[in-house]
Every structure is written in C-alpha cells, then in structure tokens.
N, C-alpha and C. Protein backbone atom coordinates (compact mmCIF):
# COMPACT_ATOMS: atom_id res chain seq x y z
N MET A 1 -68.63 -20.96 -13.03
CA MET A 1 -67.52 -20.02 -12.93
C MET A 1 -67.80 -19.06 -11.78
N SER A 2 -66.77 -18.81 -10.99
CA SER A 2 -66.87 -17.89 -9.87
C SER A 2 -65.96 -16.69 -10.13
N LEU A 3 -66.51 -15.51 -10.01
CA LEU A 3 -65.73 -14.30 -10.24
C LEU A 3 -65.43 -13.63 -8.90
N GLN A 4 -64.24 -13.11 -8.78
CA GLN A 4 -63.84 -12.40 -7.56
C GLN A 4 -63.45 -10.98 -7.94
N GLY A 5 -64.10 -10.00 -7.36
CA GLY A 5 -63.81 -8.61 -7.66
C GLY A 5 -62.81 -8.01 -6.69
N THR A 6 -62.09 -7.02 -7.17
CA THR A 6 -61.11 -6.30 -6.36
C THR A 6 -61.29 -4.81 -6.60
N TYR A 7 -61.29 -4.04 -5.52
CA TYR A 7 -61.37 -2.59 -5.60
C TYR A 7 -59.95 -2.04 -5.69
N ARG A 8 -59.82 -0.88 -6.31
CA ARG A 8 -58.49 -0.26 -6.47
C ARG A 8 -58.64 1.24 -6.29
N LEU A 9 -57.85 1.80 -5.38
CA LEU A 9 -57.82 3.24 -5.15
C LEU A 9 -56.40 3.74 -5.32
N LYS A 10 -56.27 4.97 -5.80
CA LYS A 10 -54.96 5.56 -6.06
C LYS A 10 -54.87 6.90 -5.34
N TYR A 11 -53.73 7.14 -4.72
CA TYR A 11 -53.46 8.39 -4.01
C TYR A 11 -52.10 8.91 -4.42
N TYR A 12 -51.90 10.22 -4.20
CA TYR A 12 -50.60 10.83 -4.46
C TYR A 12 -50.19 11.63 -3.23
N ILE A 13 -48.92 11.50 -2.88
CA ILE A 13 -48.34 12.27 -1.79
C ILE A 13 -47.08 12.93 -2.33
N HIS A 14 -46.97 14.21 -2.11
CA HIS A 14 -45.74 14.92 -2.47
C HIS A 14 -44.96 15.10 -1.18
N ALA A 15 -43.84 14.37 -1.08
CA ALA A 15 -43.06 14.39 0.15
C ALA A 15 -41.60 14.10 -0.17
N SER A 16 -40.73 14.47 0.75
CA SER A 16 -39.30 14.21 0.57
C SER A 16 -38.82 13.19 1.59
N HIS A 17 -37.64 12.65 1.33
CA HIS A 17 -37.00 11.73 2.26
C HIS A 17 -35.50 11.73 2.02
N ALA A 18 -34.78 11.11 2.91
CA ALA A 18 -33.34 10.91 2.77
C ALA A 18 -33.03 9.53 3.33
N ILE A 19 -32.32 8.75 2.55
CA ILE A 19 -31.99 7.39 2.96
C ILE A 19 -30.86 7.42 3.98
N ARG A 20 -30.99 6.60 5.01
CA ARG A 20 -29.94 6.45 6.01
C ARG A 20 -29.03 5.31 5.58
N TRP A 21 -27.74 5.61 5.47
CA TRP A 21 -26.74 4.62 5.09
C TRP A 21 -25.87 4.32 6.30
N GLU A 22 -25.03 3.32 6.20
CA GLU A 22 -24.14 2.96 7.30
C GLU A 22 -23.24 4.12 7.71
N ASP A 23 -22.80 4.90 6.73
CA ASP A 23 -21.86 5.99 7.01
C ASP A 23 -22.52 7.37 7.06
N GLY A 24 -23.83 7.41 7.23
CA GLY A 24 -24.51 8.70 7.34
C GLY A 24 -25.84 8.72 6.60
N ILE A 25 -26.31 9.91 6.35
CA ILE A 25 -27.61 10.07 5.71
C ILE A 25 -27.41 10.71 4.34
N GLY A 26 -28.21 10.26 3.38
CA GLY A 26 -28.14 10.81 2.04
C GLY A 26 -28.77 12.19 1.97
N GLU A 27 -28.81 12.72 0.78
CA GLU A 27 -29.37 14.05 0.57
C GLU A 27 -30.90 13.99 0.53
N GLU A 28 -31.54 14.95 1.16
CA GLU A 28 -32.99 15.04 1.11
C GLU A 28 -33.42 15.34 -0.33
N HIS A 29 -34.43 14.61 -0.79
CA HIS A 29 -34.97 14.83 -2.13
C HIS A 29 -36.44 14.45 -2.14
N GLY A 30 -37.17 15.08 -3.03
CA GLY A 30 -38.61 14.90 -3.06
C GLY A 30 -39.09 13.96 -4.15
N HIS A 31 -40.29 13.44 -3.94
CA HIS A 31 -40.97 12.59 -4.91
C HIS A 31 -42.46 12.93 -4.91
N SER A 32 -43.10 12.62 -5.99
CA SER A 32 -44.56 12.54 -6.02
C SER A 32 -44.88 11.06 -5.91
N TRP A 33 -45.10 10.61 -4.69
CA TRP A 33 -45.33 9.19 -4.41
C TRP A 33 -46.72 8.81 -4.92
N GLU A 34 -46.80 7.74 -5.67
CA GLU A 34 -48.08 7.21 -6.12
C GLU A 34 -48.37 5.96 -5.29
N ILE A 35 -49.53 5.92 -4.66
CA ILE A 35 -49.90 4.80 -3.79
C ILE A 35 -51.16 4.17 -4.35
N ILE A 36 -51.09 2.88 -4.61
CA ILE A 36 -52.24 2.15 -5.15
C ILE A 36 -52.59 1.05 -4.15
N ALA A 37 -53.83 1.06 -3.69
CA ALA A 37 -54.30 0.05 -2.75
C ALA A 37 -55.38 -0.80 -3.43
N GLU A 38 -55.22 -2.12 -3.33
CA GLU A 38 -56.20 -3.05 -3.88
C GLU A 38 -56.78 -3.86 -2.73
N PHE A 39 -58.10 -3.94 -2.68
CA PHE A 39 -58.75 -4.60 -1.55
C PHE A 39 -60.07 -5.23 -1.97
N GLN A 40 -60.58 -6.08 -1.10
CA GLN A 40 -61.84 -6.78 -1.32
C GLN A 40 -62.74 -6.56 -0.12
N ASP A 41 -64.03 -6.79 -0.34
CA ASP A 41 -64.97 -6.71 0.78
C ASP A 41 -64.83 -7.98 1.62
N THR A 42 -65.22 -7.88 2.88
CA THR A 42 -65.16 -9.05 3.77
C THR A 42 -66.54 -9.54 4.16
N ASN A 43 -67.58 -8.89 3.66
CA ASN A 43 -68.92 -9.30 4.05
C ASN A 43 -69.86 -9.45 2.85
N ASP A 44 -69.31 -9.69 1.67
CA ASP A 44 -70.10 -9.92 0.45
C ASP A 44 -71.08 -8.79 0.14
N GLU A 45 -70.72 -7.59 0.52
CA GLU A 45 -71.53 -6.42 0.19
C GLU A 45 -70.65 -5.41 -0.54
N MET A 46 -71.30 -4.51 -1.24
CA MET A 46 -70.57 -3.47 -1.95
C MET A 46 -69.88 -2.55 -0.95
N ILE A 47 -68.65 -2.22 -1.23
CA ILE A 47 -67.91 -1.28 -0.38
C ILE A 47 -68.24 0.14 -0.84
N ILE A 48 -68.51 0.99 0.10
CA ILE A 48 -68.80 2.38 -0.22
C ILE A 48 -67.48 3.13 -0.30
N PHE A 49 -67.11 3.48 -1.54
CA PHE A 49 -65.81 4.12 -1.78
C PHE A 49 -65.62 5.37 -0.94
N ASP A 50 -66.67 6.18 -0.80
CA ASP A 50 -66.53 7.45 -0.10
C ASP A 50 -65.92 7.30 1.29
N LYS A 51 -66.36 6.28 2.02
CA LYS A 51 -65.86 6.09 3.39
C LYS A 51 -64.37 5.75 3.40
N ILE A 52 -63.97 4.86 2.51
CA ILE A 52 -62.56 4.46 2.47
C ILE A 52 -61.71 5.60 1.93
N GLU A 53 -62.19 6.27 0.89
CA GLU A 53 -61.43 7.40 0.33
C GLU A 53 -61.21 8.49 1.38
N LYS A 54 -62.25 8.78 2.14
CA LYS A 54 -62.13 9.82 3.17
C LYS A 54 -61.13 9.38 4.25
N LYS A 55 -61.25 8.14 4.70
CA LYS A 55 -60.37 7.64 5.77
C LYS A 55 -58.90 7.64 5.32
N LEU A 56 -58.65 7.13 4.10
CA LEU A 56 -57.27 7.08 3.62
C LEU A 56 -56.74 8.46 3.27
N GLY A 57 -57.60 9.33 2.76
CA GLY A 57 -57.19 10.71 2.49
C GLY A 57 -56.71 11.40 3.75
N GLU A 58 -57.46 11.22 4.84
CA GLU A 58 -57.06 11.79 6.13
C GLU A 58 -55.76 11.16 6.63
N THR A 59 -55.62 9.88 6.43
CA THR A 59 -54.42 9.16 6.86
C THR A 59 -53.19 9.67 6.14
N PHE A 60 -53.27 9.82 4.82
CA PHE A 60 -52.11 10.24 4.03
C PHE A 60 -51.81 11.73 4.16
N GLN A 61 -52.76 12.51 4.65
CA GLN A 61 -52.55 13.95 4.82
C GLN A 61 -51.34 14.23 5.71
N VAL A 62 -51.10 13.36 6.67
CA VAL A 62 -49.97 13.51 7.59
C VAL A 62 -48.64 13.53 6.84
N TYR A 63 -48.56 12.79 5.75
CA TYR A 63 -47.30 12.65 5.01
C TYR A 63 -47.16 13.67 3.88
N SER A 64 -48.25 14.26 3.47
CA SER A 64 -48.24 15.19 2.34
C SER A 64 -47.44 16.45 2.67
N GLY A 65 -46.43 16.74 1.85
CA GLY A 65 -45.60 17.92 2.06
C GLY A 65 -44.54 17.77 3.13
N ALA A 66 -44.44 16.58 3.71
CA ALA A 66 -43.54 16.36 4.84
C ALA A 66 -42.18 15.81 4.40
N PHE A 67 -41.21 15.97 5.28
CA PHE A 67 -39.94 15.27 5.18
C PHE A 67 -40.16 13.97 5.94
N LEU A 68 -40.29 12.85 5.24
CA LEU A 68 -40.71 11.59 5.85
C LEU A 68 -39.84 11.17 7.02
N ASN A 69 -38.56 11.51 6.99
CA ASN A 69 -37.66 11.14 8.08
C ASN A 69 -38.11 11.73 9.41
N ASN A 70 -38.93 12.78 9.38
CA ASN A 70 -39.39 13.43 10.60
C ASN A 70 -40.81 13.04 10.99
N VAL A 71 -41.36 12.03 10.32
CA VAL A 71 -42.74 11.60 10.59
C VAL A 71 -42.71 10.11 10.97
N ASP A 72 -43.42 9.76 12.05
CA ASP A 72 -43.50 8.35 12.44
C ASP A 72 -44.19 7.55 11.35
N PRO A 73 -43.77 6.35 11.09
CA PRO A 73 -42.76 5.57 11.79
C PRO A 73 -41.35 5.73 11.22
N PHE A 74 -41.17 6.69 10.30
CA PHE A 74 -39.90 6.81 9.60
C PHE A 74 -38.84 7.59 10.37
N ARG A 75 -39.17 8.00 11.58
CA ARG A 75 -38.13 8.56 12.47
C ARG A 75 -37.13 7.46 12.84
N THR A 76 -37.64 6.23 12.93
CA THR A 76 -36.79 5.11 13.32
C THR A 76 -36.62 4.08 12.20
N ILE A 77 -37.54 4.03 11.26
CA ILE A 77 -37.45 3.10 10.13
C ILE A 77 -36.89 3.86 8.93
N ASN A 78 -35.89 3.30 8.29
CA ASN A 78 -35.27 3.94 7.13
C ASN A 78 -36.34 4.11 6.03
N PRO A 79 -36.56 5.34 5.54
CA PRO A 79 -37.64 5.58 4.59
C PRO A 79 -37.27 5.22 3.14
N THR A 80 -36.91 3.95 2.94
CA THR A 80 -36.66 3.47 1.58
C THR A 80 -37.99 3.18 0.92
N LEU A 81 -37.99 3.04 -0.38
CA LEU A 81 -39.22 2.70 -1.11
C LEU A 81 -39.83 1.41 -0.56
N GLU A 82 -38.99 0.44 -0.28
CA GLU A 82 -39.47 -0.85 0.22
C GLU A 82 -40.12 -0.70 1.60
N ASN A 83 -39.45 0.01 2.50
CA ASN A 83 -39.99 0.18 3.85
C ASN A 83 -41.25 1.03 3.85
N ILE A 84 -41.28 2.05 3.03
CA ILE A 84 -42.48 2.90 2.93
C ILE A 84 -43.66 2.05 2.48
N THR A 85 -43.45 1.21 1.48
CA THR A 85 -44.53 0.37 0.97
C THR A 85 -45.03 -0.59 2.04
N LYS A 86 -44.12 -1.23 2.76
CA LYS A 86 -44.51 -2.17 3.82
C LYS A 86 -45.27 -1.45 4.94
N GLU A 87 -44.78 -0.29 5.34
CA GLU A 87 -45.45 0.46 6.41
C GLU A 87 -46.83 0.95 5.96
N PHE A 88 -46.93 1.41 4.71
CA PHE A 88 -48.23 1.86 4.21
C PHE A 88 -49.21 0.70 4.10
N PHE A 89 -48.74 -0.50 3.77
CA PHE A 89 -49.63 -1.66 3.75
C PHE A 89 -50.27 -1.84 5.13
N GLN A 90 -49.44 -1.85 6.16
CA GLN A 90 -49.96 -2.04 7.52
C GLN A 90 -50.88 -0.90 7.94
N LEU A 91 -50.51 0.31 7.58
CA LEU A 91 -51.32 1.48 7.92
C LEU A 91 -52.68 1.43 7.23
N ILE A 92 -52.67 1.17 5.93
CA ILE A 92 -53.93 1.10 5.18
C ILE A 92 -54.81 -0.03 5.71
N GLU A 93 -54.20 -1.16 5.97
CA GLU A 93 -54.97 -2.31 6.46
C GLU A 93 -55.70 -1.98 7.77
N ARG A 94 -55.00 -1.30 8.68
CA ARG A 94 -55.64 -0.92 9.96
C ARG A 94 -56.81 0.04 9.72
N GLN A 95 -56.69 0.90 8.72
CA GLN A 95 -57.72 1.89 8.47
C GLN A 95 -58.97 1.31 7.81
N ILE A 96 -58.79 0.33 6.91
CA ILE A 96 -59.95 -0.15 6.15
C ILE A 96 -60.61 -1.39 6.74
N ARG A 97 -59.92 -2.09 7.62
CA ARG A 97 -60.50 -3.30 8.22
C ARG A 97 -61.86 -3.02 8.88
N PRO A 98 -62.01 -1.95 9.67
CA PRO A 98 -63.33 -1.68 10.28
C PRO A 98 -64.42 -1.35 9.26
N LEU A 99 -64.03 -1.07 8.02
CA LEU A 99 -65.00 -0.74 6.97
C LEU A 99 -65.32 -1.96 6.11
N HIS A 100 -65.07 -3.14 6.65
CA HIS A 100 -65.36 -4.42 5.99
C HIS A 100 -64.59 -4.62 4.70
N ALA A 101 -63.29 -4.29 4.76
CA ALA A 101 -62.43 -4.46 3.60
C ALA A 101 -61.15 -5.17 4.01
N LYS A 102 -60.64 -5.99 3.12
CA LYS A 102 -59.38 -6.72 3.34
C LYS A 102 -58.39 -6.27 2.29
N LEU A 103 -57.27 -5.75 2.74
CA LEU A 103 -56.24 -5.26 1.84
C LEU A 103 -55.48 -6.44 1.24
N ASN A 104 -55.32 -6.43 -0.08
CA ASN A 104 -54.60 -7.50 -0.77
C ASN A 104 -53.22 -7.08 -1.25
N ARG A 105 -53.12 -5.82 -1.67
CA ARG A 105 -51.88 -5.37 -2.30
C ARG A 105 -51.75 -3.86 -2.16
N VAL A 106 -50.52 -3.41 -1.91
CA VAL A 106 -50.20 -1.99 -1.95
C VAL A 106 -48.98 -1.82 -2.84
N GLU A 107 -49.08 -0.87 -3.74
CA GLU A 107 -48.01 -0.55 -4.68
C GLU A 107 -47.66 0.92 -4.49
N VAL A 108 -46.36 1.20 -4.34
CA VAL A 108 -45.91 2.57 -4.16
C VAL A 108 -44.85 2.86 -5.21
N GLY A 109 -45.00 3.99 -5.88
CA GLY A 109 -44.03 4.42 -6.86
C GLY A 109 -43.41 5.74 -6.45
N GLU A 110 -42.09 5.81 -6.57
CA GLU A 110 -41.39 7.06 -6.27
C GLU A 110 -41.14 7.86 -7.54
N SER A 111 -41.40 7.25 -8.69
CA SER A 111 -41.30 7.91 -9.99
C SER A 111 -42.19 7.13 -10.95
N PRO A 112 -42.42 7.64 -12.15
CA PRO A 112 -43.26 6.90 -13.10
C PRO A 112 -42.68 5.54 -13.50
N THR A 113 -41.40 5.31 -13.24
CA THR A 113 -40.78 4.05 -13.66
C THR A 113 -40.30 3.18 -12.51
N ARG A 114 -40.39 3.64 -11.26
CA ARG A 114 -39.89 2.88 -10.11
C ARG A 114 -41.01 2.61 -9.12
N PHE A 115 -41.42 1.35 -9.05
CA PHE A 115 -42.48 0.93 -8.14
C PHE A 115 -42.03 -0.27 -7.33
N TYR A 116 -42.64 -0.41 -6.17
CA TYR A 116 -42.45 -1.59 -5.33
C TYR A 116 -43.83 -1.94 -4.80
N TYR A 117 -44.13 -3.24 -4.70
CA TYR A 117 -45.41 -3.60 -4.13
C TYR A 117 -45.26 -4.74 -3.15
N VAL A 118 -46.21 -4.81 -2.22
CA VAL A 118 -46.29 -5.92 -1.28
C VAL A 118 -47.71 -6.46 -1.32
N THR A 119 -47.81 -7.76 -1.08
CA THR A 119 -49.10 -8.43 -1.05
C THR A 119 -49.27 -9.16 0.26
N ARG A 120 -50.47 -9.53 0.53
CA ARG A 120 -50.78 -10.29 1.73
C ARG A 120 -50.20 -11.69 1.57
N ASP A 121 -49.52 -12.16 2.59
CA ASP A 121 -49.01 -13.52 2.61
C ASP A 121 -50.00 -14.36 3.41
N GLU A 122 -50.92 -15.01 2.71
CA GLU A 122 -51.98 -15.78 3.37
C GLU A 122 -51.43 -16.93 4.21
N LEU A 123 -50.27 -17.46 3.84
CA LEU A 123 -49.72 -18.59 4.58
C LEU A 123 -49.30 -18.21 5.99
N ASN A 124 -48.94 -16.93 6.19
CA ASN A 124 -48.47 -16.50 7.51
C ASN A 124 -49.53 -15.74 8.29
N LYS A 125 -50.76 -15.79 7.86
CA LYS A 125 -51.84 -15.07 8.57
C LYS A 125 -52.66 -16.02 9.41
C-alpha cells in the first residue's frame, strides 16, 4: 500500500467587491473570504509550514481590507467567486513552487455556505 499525504492551510481575508454586469456594476459588499490551499511536496521531504505560511500571509495581505475591484488582477477581471478562486490558485502556485510544493486544490468561500474550488488539471499540464 502506498500512502500520499497532502498539506492543508487556511487563510481569511476580509474584503469587499462588486460584480460587474453587462448593464453596470453591482453594489459593493463585504465578505470574510475563507481560502483553503491543499498542496504536496515535490521533493519527498517534509514541507516547513512556517515558510509557506509566511509567504502566503504576505501575499494575501494585499487583499485584506481592500475593495477587490481596485486591486490587480481584479481591476480588469470580474471579481466573482469563481474568478477569485482561479486567480488565487495561480497566485498561490507561483508563491509555493520555489518552496518545493505543488498546489493541488484551492477552495474559496464567500460565506459559511458558499464555496467554489478549483483543482489542478493534470491532463493539460
């Protein structure tokens, strides 16, 4: 039997956004965004949580307390739950790759009952 382990980290960002619609922009409203990142090591060694936690904490600090529509990449990308999750996947992946980690899944919740997640599509990599 072969076991495969996965690391999981959770972050919270308190930020607002407004959805852009065809006929204008919706009302600005805030969320306590819950971000869950699941990843594996790429070199068969234990990942040191402190390094990844520090790197991602610094990364998410940019969004904390912000109106997401005014922060890149959401100045041009509609800040929907789906788009935020996809963008955060790419952002997290860039941050943890140099630390010998491969991102497998990112889950973002805008409320305790509304979540969206994306996973790595191995077929297209």
